[in-house]
Amino acid sequence: MLKIDSRSSRPIYEQIIEGMKVNILKGIILPGEKLPSVRELSSMITANPNTVSKAYRELERQKVIETIRGRGTYVSSDYKPKLEEDRMKVLKEDIKKIIIEAHYMGIEKKDLLEIMNNFYEEVNVNFKSKGSEKNDKSFQSL
């Protein structure tokens, strides 16, 4: 469900918040879906329950989730992420991680760009060969 990097300098509660939002954005967690309790989630990700509780409080403040006393915590039905903006933010973070990893592997910028261009073309060809009418513009929004 959530990937937590205990070695990250980023606080765990922020990683939980971001992870929940990303999972909602990707459709892994749907509006109205029941979330694990604080104790369940803290056990799943091996984090302190107070940390999970802090993340849930912040997600409630942002109206991403809602807690119904005696029933549990749910993704808010009213939560509508700013899709393009949020998706672009997630994409940029992923690209940043790839660039950092490539740097530590000793891959030069031109080689990384070549790898990315080749992969982009491969994916684009696969979309077209499967009868998809997607063009470059729609692919960029993924």
Protein backbone atom coordinates (compact mmCIF):
# COMPACT_ATOMS: atom_id res chain seq x y z
CA MET A 1 0.00 0.00 0.00
CA LEU A 2 2.58 2.58 1.09
CA LYS A 3 6.33 2.63 0.65
CA ILE A 4 8.12 4.25 3.55
CA ASP A 5 11.83 4.99 3.35
CA SER A 6 13.14 4.95 6.90
CA ARG A 7 16.51 6.25 5.65
CA SER A 8 14.95 9.32 4.07
CA SER A 9 15.47 12.72 5.65
CA ARG A 10 11.78 13.33 4.99
CA PRO A 11 9.56 12.72 8.04
CA ILE A 12 7.55 9.49 7.94
CA TYR A 13 4.23 11.28 8.43
CA GLU A 14 4.92 13.33 5.28
CA GLN A 15 5.74 10.14 3.37
CA ILE A 16 2.41 8.66 4.54
CA ILE A 17 0.52 11.78 3.41
CA GLU A 18 2.20 11.79 0.01
CA GLY A 19 1.77 8.03 -0.39
CA MET A 20 -1.95 8.22 0.35
CA LYS A 21 -2.43 11.07 -2.10
CA VAL A 22 -0.45 9.26 -4.81
CA ASN A 23 -2.47 6.06 -4.28
CA ILE A 24 -5.72 8.04 -4.56
CA LEU A 25 -4.43 9.85 -7.63
CA LYS A 26 -3.46 6.57 -9.30
CA GLY A 27 -6.83 5.00 -8.45
CA ILE A 28 -5.31 2.41 -6.13
CA ILE A 29 -7.44 3.81 -3.30
CA LEU A 30 -10.87 5.04 -4.38
CA PRO A 31 -13.10 7.79 -2.95
CA GLY A 32 -15.33 6.31 -0.26
CA GLU A 33 -12.95 3.40 0.35
CA LYS A 34 -12.25 2.45 3.95
CA LEU A 35 -8.65 2.93 5.06
CA PRO A 36 -6.77 0.82 7.60
CA SER A 37 -7.07 1.98 11.19
CA VAL A 38 -4.16 3.87 12.70
CA ARG A 39 -2.99 0.71 14.46
CA GLU A 40 -3.38 -1.45 11.35
CA LEU A 41 -1.44 0.96 9.16
CA SER A 42 1.28 1.50 11.77
CA SER A 43 1.69 -2.28 11.94
CA MET A 44 1.80 -2.62 8.12
CA ILE A 45 4.52 0.00 7.69
CA THR A 46 6.21 -0.54 11.06
CA ALA A 47 5.76 3.04 12.19
CA ASN A 48 4.72 4.52 15.50
CA PRO A 49 0.90 4.84 15.77
CA ASN A 50 1.36 8.50 16.78
CA THR A 51 3.11 9.13 13.45
CA VAL A 52 0.26 7.54 11.48
CA SER A 53 -2.25 9.48 13.57
CA LYS A 54 -0.44 12.73 12.76
CA ALA A 55 -0.58 11.91 9.03
CA TYR A 56 -4.29 11.04 9.24
CA ARG A 57 -5.03 14.32 11.07
CA GLU A 58 -3.26 16.29 8.35
CA LEU A 59 -5.08 14.37 5.61
CA GLU A 60 -8.36 15.15 7.40
CA ARG A 61 -7.42 18.81 7.65
CA GLN A 62 -6.81 18.81 3.89
CA LYS A 63 -10.19 17.07 3.41
CA VAL A 64 -8.55 14.10 1.70
CA ILE A 65 -9.95 11.63 4.25
CA GLU A 66 -12.73 11.66 6.81
CA THR A 67 -13.16 9.74 10.04
CA ILE A 68 -16.61 8.59 11.04
CA ARG A 69 -16.71 7.85 14.73
CA GLY A 70 -17.25 4.15 15.39
CA ARG A 71 -17.04 3.24 11.69
CA GLY A 72 -13.53 4.09 10.57
CA THR A 73 -11.56 6.33 8.25
CA TYR A 74 -12.49 6.72 4.59
CA VAL A 75 -11.21 8.54 1.54
CA SER A 76 -13.42 11.59 1.25
CA SER A 77 -15.99 11.33 -1.54
CA ASP A 78 -15.53 15.05 -2.09
CA TYR A 79 -11.77 14.84 -2.58
CA LYS A 80 -10.90 15.84 -6.12
CA PRO A 81 -7.15 16.04 -6.65
CA LYS A 82 -5.87 18.58 -9.12
CA LEU A 83 -5.13 15.81 -11.57
CA GLU A 84 -2.79 17.40 -14.06
CA GLU A 85 -0.89 19.41 -11.46
CA ASP A 86 -0.64 16.48 -9.03
CA ARG A 87 0.27 13.97 -11.72
CA MET A 88 2.98 16.28 -13.02
CA LYS A 89 4.36 16.66 -9.49
CA VAL A 90 4.50 12.87 -9.06
CA LEU A 91 6.13 12.47 -12.47
CA LYS A 92 8.76 15.11 -11.70
CA GLU A 93 9.61 13.41 -8.40
CA ASP A 94 9.98 10.06 -10.17
CA ILE A 95 12.21 11.59 -12.84
CA LYS A 96 14.31 13.28 -10.15
CA LYS A 97 14.88 9.90 -8.46
CA ILE A 98 15.90 8.36 -11.79
CA ILE A 99 18.36 11.19 -12.50
CA ILE A 100 19.92 10.87 -9.04
CA GLU A 101 20.24 7.10 -9.44
CA ALA A 102 21.76 7.51 -12.92
CA HIS A 103 24.25 10.04 -11.54
CA TYR A 104 25.42 7.59 -8.87
CA MET A 105 25.70 4.86 -11.52
CA GLY A 106 27.99 7.11 -13.56
CA ILE A 107 25.55 7.50 -16.45
CA GLU A 108 26.11 10.75 -18.31
CA LYS A 109 23.28 13.11 -19.22
CA LYS A 110 23.46 12.37 -22.96
CA ASP A 111 23.31 8.61 -22.30
CA LEU A 112 20.38 9.00 -19.93
CA LEU A 113 18.53 11.13 -22.48
CA GLU A 114 19.19 8.50 -25.14
CA ILE A 115 17.81 5.76 -22.85
CA MET A 116 14.73 7.85 -22.11
CA ASN A 117 14.17 8.70 -25.78
CA ASN A 118 14.47 5.05 -26.77
CA PHE A 119 12.08 3.99 -24.05
CA TYR A 120 9.64 6.75 -24.98
CA GLU A 121 9.66 5.57 -28.60
CA GLU A 122 9.22 1.95 -27.51
CA VAL A 123 6.24 2.82 -25.33
CA ASN A 124 4.77 5.05 -28.02
CA VAL A 125 5.05 2.23 -30.60
CA ASN A 126 3.45 -0.22 -28.15
CA PHE A 127 0.49 2.13 -27.62
CA LYS A 128 -0.01 2.51 -31.36
CA SER A 129 0.39 -1.22 -32.07
CA LYS A 130 -2.35 -2.07 -29.57
CA GLY A 131 -4.82 0.00 -31.57
CA SER A 132 -4.67 2.94 -29.20
CA GLU A 133 -5.34 6.32 -30.70
CA LYS A 134 -3.18 8.02 -28.09
CA ASN A 135 -0.84 10.62 -29.45
CA ASP A 136 2.27 12.14 -27.89
CA LYS A 137 0.20 14.78 -26.10
CA SER A 138 -1.99 12.24 -24.31
CA PHE A 139 1.07 10.14 -23.46
CA GLN A 140 2.67 13.17 -21.81
CA SER A 141 -0.26 13.44 -19.40
CA LEU A 142 0.37 9.93 -18.02
